[in-house]
């Protein structure tokens, strides 16, 4: 008899484990969206405005660099011509002063170039902060729990990519203007 009870108990446990429970529901699939943040920024009206501004300032800097280069080349040529007429003691301070100007100019121009990169990064941060609520609404509307960077996803379908929809919504809300600080 104890063996029969053990067998029946084992059978009951197996049957209960295999049968769907009345209170149990099938787990809902987790909706995951992907977005290409680089494309989101660059193809948005905001990103295109920023890119145009950075490009214009970069072109101005390149023109300024060419003008400086021309001026320094002229000064170097004058210094080279003076060398024959000057003693080493007279020439050395002139050459050192010229080298110092060249180094200072390089540092100044490099700082301007870095400032452009810094401006781009700041604008990107402003954009992503302003885009956050729009992306959150998009995620909620899609019933998603997360948006992942498309470039870090190993495999996904194109239907999970909401970059185009996000660009359209962000353009409608933000446009090309810089949002006012909160």
Foldseek 3Di string as FASTA:
>chain_A
DVVVVVVVVVVVVVVVVPDDDPPDDDDDDAQEAEEALVCLQCVALQNVLLVVVLVVLVVVLVVVVVVVVVVLVVLVVVLVVCVVVDDPVVSVVVVVVSVVVVVVVVVVSVVSVVVSVVVSVVSSVLLCVLLVVVVVVVCVVVVHDYYYHVVVDPDDDPVRYCSVVSSVSCCVVPNNDRDDDD
